[in-house]
């Protein structure tokens, strides 16, 4: 299925913040190598200010990560755009597994592009808040409170997998849940050095790994908290 926008601007609160501010962010992303117009349109349209605390809403369209509580952050828009563009590059994914729902923003971008999104979050309070945001925006995102390191095997394999927290090495369980022909994008490394990786699995199950960019993410932790 070709990725396409599912939401119209007027349906999700465009105008609640300055259009000029959003356009400035889009031009910044474009200047930093984001060229997929579907991704840029999703970033322009999905209201990032609804995914941060009200006190930070005026900073929502800055190209920076922002705190969301529990030691977690909403990712920098460039990182969201880069990871999303990587999933769509040369592929037409239908299903995507997200590890680390967080604020819900990355999942909302994927859903706005018409993908069937499955997302796993280990922190219950963050997931409950993200679910409210999905409902507010009319997004049908399937979500689960669980340890993201084990993925969501019941719905595997997935055409695409996106991991929004860094592990020292990529978890085998997630690679196993990637469909042949699929793409996985994830940060890998420790607290001092991380790299965004793209993994592509061919029809025979052989994985090709490509380094994309240096990044900084929160760590991928095991277990669950409410």
C-alpha atoms as a PDB file:
ATOM      1  CA  UNK A   1       0.000   0.000   0.000  1.00  0.00           C
ATOM      2  CA  UNK A   2       1.363   3.394  -0.907  1.00  0.00           C
ATOM      3  CA  UNK A   3       1.832   5.689   2.086  1.00  0.00           C
ATOM      4  CA  UNK A   4      -0.517   8.633   1.917  1.00  0.00           C
ATOM      5  CA  UNK A   5      -1.954  11.240   4.226  1.00  0.00           C
ATOM      6  CA  UNK A   6      -5.070  10.126   6.071  1.00  0.00           C
ATOM      7  CA  UNK A   7      -5.842  13.430   7.800  1.00  0.00           C
ATOM      8  CA  UNK A   8      -6.717  16.849   6.518  1.00  0.00           C
ATOM      9  CA  UNK A   9      -5.263  19.886   8.309  1.00  0.00           C
ATOM     10  CA  UNK A  10      -8.637  21.164   9.404  1.00  0.00           C
ATOM     11  CA  UNK A  11      -9.380  17.826  11.029  1.00  0.00           C
ATOM     12  CA  UNK A  12      -6.487  17.989  13.468  1.00  0.00           C
ATOM     13  CA  UNK A  13      -6.294  21.552  14.649  1.00  0.00           C
ATOM     14  CA  UNK A  14      -4.158  23.348  12.119  1.00  0.00           C
ATOM     15  CA  UNK A  15      -4.312  26.988  13.110  1.00  0.00           C
ATOM     16  CA  UNK A  16      -3.889  26.326  16.820  1.00  0.00           C
ATOM     17  CA  UNK A  17      -0.310  27.457  16.311  1.00  0.00           C
ATOM     18  CA  UNK A  18       1.250  29.740  13.740  1.00  0.00           C
ATOM     19  CA  UNK A  19       1.341  28.312  10.225  1.00  0.00           C
ATOM     20  CA  UNK A  20       4.478  30.371   9.685  1.00  0.00           C
ATOM     21  CA  UNK A  21       6.211  28.548  12.547  1.00  0.00           C
ATOM     22  CA  UNK A  22       5.288  25.176  11.058  1.00  0.00           C
ATOM     23  CA  UNK A  23       6.442  26.215   7.599  1.00  0.00           C
ATOM     24  CA  UNK A  24       9.753  27.375   9.036  1.00  0.00           C
ATOM     25  CA  UNK A  25      10.270  23.929  10.559  1.00  0.00           C
ATOM     26  CA  UNK A  26       9.489  22.266   7.227  1.00  0.00           C
ATOM     27  CA  UNK A  27      12.030  24.428   5.415  1.00  0.00           C
ATOM     28  CA  UNK A  28      14.631  23.587   8.045  1.00  0.00           C
ATOM     29  CA  UNK A  29      13.958  19.867   7.596  1.00  0.00           C
ATOM     30  CA  UNK A  30      14.083  20.218   3.823  1.00  0.00           C
ATOM     31  CA  UNK A  31      17.426  21.989   4.105  1.00  0.00           C
ATOM     32  CA  UNK A  32      18.751  19.158   6.263  1.00  0.00           C
ATOM     33  CA  UNK A  33      18.064  16.408   3.764  1.00  0.00           C
ATOM     34  CA  UNK A  34      14.408  15.499   4.255  1.00  0.00           C
ATOM     35  CA  UNK A  35      13.058  15.321   0.711  1.00  0.00           C
ATOM     36  CA  UNK A  36      10.020  13.008   0.857  1.00  0.00           C
ATOM     37  CA  UNK A  37       7.037  15.328   0.466  1.00  0.00           C
ATOM     38  CA  UNK A  38       4.744  12.795   2.146  1.00  0.00           C
ATOM     39  CA  UNK A  39       6.866  12.945   5.266  1.00  0.00           C
ATOM     40  CA  UNK A  40       7.141  16.733   5.177  1.00  0.00           C
ATOM     41  CA  UNK A  41       3.386  17.045   4.774  1.00  0.00           C
ATOM     42  CA  UNK A  42       2.810  14.744   7.742  1.00  0.00           C
ATOM     43  CA  UNK A  43       5.198  16.794   9.895  1.00  0.00           C
ATOM     44  CA  UNK A  44       3.464  19.981   8.768  1.00  0.00           C
ATOM     45  CA  UNK A  45      -0.001  18.616   9.462  1.00  0.00           C
ATOM     46  CA  UNK A  46       0.191  16.536  12.648  1.00  0.00           C
ATOM     47  CA  UNK A  47      -0.068  18.971  15.593  1.00  0.00           C
ATOM     48  CA  UNK A  48       3.142  18.417  17.568  1.00  0.00           C
ATOM     49  CA  UNK A  49       1.986  20.892  20.205  1.00  0.00           C
ATOM     50  CA  UNK A  50      -0.662  18.376  21.288  1.00  0.00           C
ATOM     51  CA  UNK A  51       2.077  15.859  22.115  1.00  0.00           C
ATOM     52  CA  UNK A  52       3.951  18.000  24.643  1.00  0.00           C
ATOM     53  CA  UNK A  53       3.069  19.562  27.970  1.00  0.00           C
ATOM     54  CA  UNK A  54       1.082  22.768  27.616  1.00  0.00           C
ATOM     55  CA  UNK A  55       3.957  24.708  29.163  1.00  0.00           C
ATOM     56  CA  UNK A  56       6.180  23.647  26.245  1.00  0.00           C
ATOM     57  CA  UNK A  57       3.613  24.141  23.475  1.00  0.00           C
ATOM     58  CA  UNK A  58       5.257  27.343  22.252  1.00  0.00           C
ATOM     59  CA  UNK A  59       8.433  25.321  21.563  1.00  0.00           C
ATOM     60  CA  UNK A  60       6.664  22.458  19.813  1.00  0.00           C
ATOM     61  CA  UNK A  61       7.804  23.455  16.310  1.00  0.00           C
ATOM     62  CA  UNK A  62      11.440  23.965  17.189  1.00  0.00           C
ATOM     63  CA  UNK A  63      13.715  21.292  15.749  1.00  0.00           C
ATOM     64  CA  UNK A  64      14.619  19.932  19.152  1.00  0.00           C
ATOM     65  CA  UNK A  65      13.732  17.112  21.518  1.00  0.00           C
ATOM     66  CA  UNK A  66      11.554  18.089  24.484  1.00  0.00           C
ATOM     67  CA  UNK A  67      10.937  16.365  27.839  1.00  0.00           C
ATOM     68  CA  UNK A  68       7.682  14.444  28.330  1.00  0.00           C
ATOM     69  CA  UNK A  69       8.287  13.094  31.841  1.00  0.00           C
ATOM     70  CA  UNK A  70       9.627   9.825  33.242  1.00  0.00           C
ATOM     71  CA  UNK A  71      13.064  10.686  31.872  1.00  0.00           C
ATOM     72  CA  UNK A  72      11.742  10.422  28.308  1.00  0.00           C
ATOM     73  CA  UNK A  73      11.576  12.893  25.417  1.00  0.00           C
ATOM     74  CA  UNK A  74       9.606  13.591  22.271  1.00  0.00           C
ATOM     75  CA  UNK A  75      12.172  13.152  19.521  1.00  0.00           C
ATOM     76  CA  UNK A  76      13.609  16.018  17.503  1.00  0.00           C
ATOM     77  CA  UNK A  77      11.462  16.544  14.365  1.00  0.00           C
ATOM     78  CA  UNK A  78      14.471  15.934  12.088  1.00  0.00           C
ATOM     79  CA  UNK A  79      15.005  12.529  13.703  1.00  0.00           C
ATOM     80  CA  UNK A  80      11.312  11.643  13.343  1.00  0.00           C
ATOM     81  CA  UNK A  81      11.391  12.733   9.704  1.00  0.00           C
ATOM     82  CA  UNK A  82      14.664  10.913   8.951  1.00  0.00           C
ATOM     83  CA  UNK A  83      13.486   7.643  10.485  1.00  0.00           C
ATOM     84  CA  UNK A  84      10.128   7.853   8.732  1.00  0.00           C
ATOM     85  CA  UNK A  85      11.693   8.718   5.379  1.00  0.00           C
ATOM     86  CA  UNK A  86      14.050   5.758   5.768  1.00  0.00           C
ATOM     87  CA  UNK A  87      11.128   3.369   6.277  1.00  0.00           C
ATOM     88  CA  UNK A  88       9.443   4.644   3.109  1.00  0.00           C
ATOM     89  CA  UNK A  89      12.564   4.810   0.943  1.00  0.00           C
ATOM     90  CA  UNK A  90      12.098   2.401  -1.951  1.00  0.00           C
ATOM     91  CA  UNK A  91       9.364   0.523  -0.117  1.00  0.00           C
ATOM     92  CA  UNK A  92       5.612   0.496   0.324  1.00  0.00           C
ATOM     93  CA  UNK A  93       5.110  -0.809   3.871  1.00  0.00           C
ATOM     94  CA  UNK A  94       1.644  -1.593   5.135  1.00  0.00           C
ATOM     95  CA  UNK A  95       2.327  -2.596   8.737  1.00  0.00           C
ATOM     96  CA  UNK A  96       4.802  -0.979  11.111  1.00  0.00           C
ATOM     97  CA  UNK A  97       5.835  -1.859  14.654  1.00  0.00           C
ATOM     98  CA  UNK A  98       6.999   1.007  16.847  1.00  0.00           C
ATOM     99  CA  UNK A  99       9.015   0.257  19.966  1.00  0.00           C
ATOM    100  CA  UNK A 100       8.646   3.105  22.447  1.00  0.00           C
ATOM    101  CA  UNK A 101       5.350   4.956  22.036  1.00  0.00           C
ATOM    102  CA  UNK A 102       6.481   7.829  24.237  1.00  0.00           C
ATOM    103  CA  UNK A 103       4.353  10.898  23.568  1.00  0.00           C
ATOM    104  CA  UNK A 104       2.693   9.184  20.599  1.00  0.00           C
ATOM    105  CA  UNK A 105       4.038  11.681  18.062  1.00  0.00           C
ATOM    106  CA  UNK A 106       6.094   9.274  15.946  1.00  0.00           C
ATOM    107  CA  UNK A 107       3.186   6.829  15.864  1.00  0.00           C
ATOM    108  CA  UNK A 108       0.847   9.625  14.823  1.00  0.00           C
ATOM    109  CA  UNK A 109       3.134  10.565  11.926  1.00  0.00           C
ATOM    110  CA  UNK A 110       3.128   6.958  10.737  1.00  0.00           C
ATOM    111  CA  UNK A 111      -0.646   6.679  11.105  1.00  0.00           C
ATOM    112  CA  UNK A 112      -1.159   9.944   9.214  1.00  0.00           C
ATOM    113  CA  UNK A 113       0.781   8.389   6.344  1.00  0.00           C
ATOM    114  CA  UNK A 114      -1.773   5.597   6.148  1.00  0.00           C
ATOM    115  CA  UNK A 115       0.296   2.860   7.788  1.00  0.00           C
ATOM    116  CA  UNK A 116      -1.179   0.220  10.081  1.00  0.00           C
ATOM    117  CA  UNK A 117       0.627   1.071  13.314  1.00  0.00           C
ATOM    118  CA  UNK A 118       1.358  -1.239  16.250  1.00  0.00           C
ATOM    119  CA  UNK A 119       3.144   0.482  19.125  1.00  0.00           C
ATOM    120  CA  UNK A 120       4.558  -0.819  22.417  1.00  0.00           C
ATOM    121  CA  UNK A 121       5.371   1.294  25.493  1.00  0.00           C
ATOM    122  CA  UNK A 122       6.770   0.120  28.834  1.00  0.00           C
ATOM    123  CA  UNK A 123       5.636   3.176  30.851  1.00  0.00           C
ATOM    124  CA  UNK A 124       1.917   2.939  31.525  1.00  0.00           C
ATOM    125  CA  UNK A 125       1.284   6.625  32.193  1.00  0.00           C
ATOM    126  CA  UNK A 126       2.894   7.670  28.918  1.00  0.00           C
ATOM    127  CA  UNK A 127       0.887   5.090  26.993  1.00  0.00           C
ATOM    128  CA  UNK A 128      -2.425   6.172  28.532  1.00  0.00           C
ATOM    129  CA  UNK A 129      -1.720   9.783  27.585  1.00  0.00           C
ATOM    130  CA  UNK A 130      -0.679   8.800  24.052  1.00  0.00           C
ATOM    131  CA  UNK A 131      -3.876   6.792  23.622  1.00  0.00           C
ATOM    132  CA  UNK A 132      -5.934   9.856  24.518  1.00  0.00           C
ATOM    133  CA  UNK A 133      -4.087  11.837  21.866  1.00  0.00           C
ATOM    134  CA  UNK A 134      -4.690   9.160  19.247  1.00  0.00           C
ATOM    135  CA  UNK A 135      -8.403   9.196  20.067  1.00  0.00           C
ATOM    136  CA  UNK A 136      -8.532  12.993  19.915  1.00  0.00           C
ATOM    137  CA  UNK A 137      -7.025  12.888  16.425  1.00  0.00           C
ATOM    138  CA  UNK A 138      -9.220  10.002  15.301  1.00  0.00           C
ATOM    139  CA  UNK A 139      -6.224   7.735  14.717  1.00  0.00           C
ATOM    140  CA  UNK A 140      -6.621   3.966  14.812  1.00  0.00           C
ATOM    141  CA  UNK A 141      -3.276   3.065  16.378  1.00  0.00           C
ATOM    142  CA  UNK A 142      -2.986  -0.327  18.077  1.00  0.00           C
ATOM    143  CA  UNK A 143      -1.048  -0.014  21.318  1.00  0.00           C
ATOM    144  CA  UNK A 144       0.217  -2.310  24.052  1.00  0.00           C
ATOM    145  CA  UNK A 145       1.686  -1.819  27.540  1.00  0.00           C
ATOM    146  CA  UNK A 146       4.629  -4.207  27.545  1.00  0.00           C
ATOM    147  CA  UNK A 147       8.388  -4.602  27.441  1.00  0.00           C
ATOM    148  CA  UNK A 148       9.374  -3.247  24.039  1.00  0.00           C
ATOM    149  CA  UNK A 149      12.452  -5.456  23.843  1.00  0.00           C
ATOM    150  CA  UNK A 150      10.226  -8.445  23.081  1.00  0.00           C
ATOM    151  CA  UNK A 151       8.309  -6.609  20.356  1.00  0.00           C
ATOM    152  CA  UNK A 152       4.758  -7.686  19.569  1.00  0.00           C
ATOM    153  CA  UNK A 153       5.131 -11.169  18.087  1.00  0.00           C
ATOM    154  CA  UNK A 154       1.390 -11.859  17.863  1.00  0.00           C
ATOM    155  CA  UNK A 155       1.087  -9.534  14.855  1.00  0.00           C
ATOM    156  CA  UNK A 156       4.470 -10.279  13.262  1.00  0.00           C
ATOM    157  CA  UNK A 157       5.958 -10.155  10.736  1.00  0.00           C
ATOM    158  CA  UNK A 158       5.950  -6.409  10.078  1.00  0.00           C
ATOM    159  CA  UNK A 159       6.862  -4.629   6.867  1.00  0.00           C
ATOM    160  CA  UNK A 160       8.703  -1.998   8.912  1.00  0.00           C
ATOM    161  CA  UNK A 161       9.956  -1.621  12.478  1.00  0.00           C
ATOM    162  CA  UNK A 162      10.996   1.632  14.133  1.00  0.00           C
ATOM    163  CA  UNK A 163      12.757   1.737  17.507  1.00  0.00           C
ATOM    164  CA  UNK A 164      12.761   5.020  19.417  1.00  0.00           C
ATOM    165  CA  UNK A 165      15.260   4.153  22.161  1.00  0.00           C
ATOM    166  CA  UNK A 166      18.865   2.998  21.948  1.00  0.00           C
ATOM    167  CA  UNK A 167      20.263  -0.411  22.892  1.00  0.00           C
ATOM    168  CA  UNK A 168      23.965  -1.361  22.868  1.00  0.00           C
ATOM    169  CA  UNK A 169      23.132  -3.925  20.175  1.00  0.00           C
ATOM    170  CA  UNK A 170      19.960  -4.480  18.219  1.00  0.00           C
ATOM    171  CA  UNK A 171      17.598  -6.919  19.907  1.00  0.00           C
ATOM    172  CA  UNK A 172      17.313 -10.227  18.019  1.00  0.00           C
ATOM    173  CA  UNK A 173      13.593 -10.537  18.809  1.00  0.00           C
ATOM    174  CA  UNK A 174      12.906  -7.387  16.802  1.00  0.00           C
ATOM    175  CA  UNK A 175      14.968  -8.502  13.818  1.00  0.00           C
ATOM    176  CA  UNK A 176      13.081 -11.786  13.866  1.00  0.00           C
ATOM    177  CA  UNK A 177       9.740  -9.928  13.637  1.00  0.00           C
ATOM    178  CA  UNK A 178      10.756  -8.062  10.467  1.00  0.00           C
ATOM    179  CA  UNK A 179       9.210  -9.460   7.291  1.00  0.00           C
ATOM    180  CA  UNK A 180      11.381 -10.436   4.304  1.00  0.00           C
ATOM    181  CA  UNK A 181      11.788  -7.296   2.206  1.00  0.00           C
ATOM    182  CA  UNK A 182      11.223  -5.158   5.299  1.00  0.00           C
ATOM    183  CA  UNK A 183      13.158  -2.251   6.810  1.00  0.00           C
ATOM    184  CA  UNK A 184      14.075  -1.683  10.446  1.00  0.00           C
ATOM    185  CA  UNK A 185      15.471   1.627  11.671  1.00  0.00           C
ATOM    186  CA  UNK A 186      16.882   2.014  15.168  1.00  0.00           C
ATOM    187  CA  UNK A 187      19.513   3.856  17.206  1.00  0.00           C
ATOM    188  CA  UNK A 188      22.288   1.590  18.496  1.00  0.00           C
ATOM    189  CA  UNK A 189      24.978   2.415  21.038  1.00  0.00           C
ATOM    190  CA  UNK A 190      25.618   3.518  24.599  1.00  0.00           C
ATOM    191  CA  UNK A 191      25.175   6.808  26.413  1.00  0.00           C
ATOM    192  CA  UNK A 192      28.309   8.372  24.879  1.00  0.00           C
ATOM    193  CA  UNK A 193      27.937   7.309  21.244  1.00  0.00           C
ATOM    194  CA  UNK A 194      24.930   6.201  19.214  1.00  0.00           C
ATOM    195  CA  UNK A 195      24.339   5.626  15.515  1.00  0.00           C
ATOM    196  CA  UNK A 196      21.068   5.472  13.623  1.00  0.00           C
ATOM    197  CA  UNK A 197      21.021   2.205  11.682  1.00  0.00           C
ATOM    198  CA  UNK A 198      18.917   0.916   8.809  1.00  0.00           C
ATOM    199  CA  UNK A 199      18.496  -2.822   8.466  1.00  0.00           C
ATOM    200  CA  UNK A 200      16.977  -4.398   5.384  1.00  0.00           C
ATOM    201  CA  UNK A 201      16.015  -8.065   5.262  1.00  0.00           C
ATOM    202  CA  UNK A 202      16.053  -9.705   1.845  1.00  0.00           C
ATOM    203  CA  UNK A 203      13.779 -12.486   0.628  1.00  0.00           C
ATOM    204  CA  UNK A 204      16.163 -15.102   2.048  1.00  0.00           C
ATOM    205  CA  UNK A 205      16.229 -13.488   5.489  1.00  0.00           C
ATOM    206  CA  UNK A 206      19.721 -12.030   5.083  1.00  0.00           C
ATOM    207  CA  UNK A 207      20.066  -8.636   6.783  1.00  0.00           C
ATOM    208  CA  UNK A 208      22.031  -5.726   5.316  1.00  0.00           C
ATOM    209  CA  UNK A 209      22.991  -2.984   7.770  1.00  0.00           C
ATOM    210  CA  UNK A 210      23.670   0.674   6.910  1.00  0.00           C
ATOM    211  CA  UNK A 211      24.793   3.506   9.208  1.00  0.00           C
ATOM    212  CA  UNK A 212      22.743   6.677   8.682  1.00  0.00           C
ATOM    213  CA  UNK A 213      23.717   9.348  11.213  1.00  0.00           C
ATOM    214  CA  UNK A 214      25.001   9.985  14.741  1.00  0.00           C
ATOM    215  CA  UNK A 215      22.073  10.448  17.137  1.00  0.00           C
ATOM    216  CA  UNK A 216      21.201  10.750  20.822  1.00  0.00           C
ATOM    217  CA  UNK A 217      18.296   8.723  22.228  1.00  0.00           C
ATOM    218  CA  UNK A 218      17.160   7.625  25.672  1.00  0.00           C
ATOM    219  CA  UNK A 219      18.126   4.006  26.480  1.00  0.00           C
ATOM    220  CA  UNK A 220      15.946   1.034  25.567  1.00  0.00           C
ATOM    221  CA  UNK A 221      15.065  -0.478  28.940  1.00  0.00           C
ATOM    222  CA  UNK A 222      13.509  -3.796  29.878  1.00  0.00           C
ATOM    223  CA  UNK A 223      10.507  -4.400  32.117  1.00  0.00           C
ATOM    224  CA  UNK A 224       7.328  -2.395  32.657  1.00  0.00           C
ATOM    225  CA  UNK A 225       6.176   0.346  35.018  1.00  0.00           C
ATOM    226  CA  UNK A 226       2.698   1.750  35.504  1.00  0.00           C
END
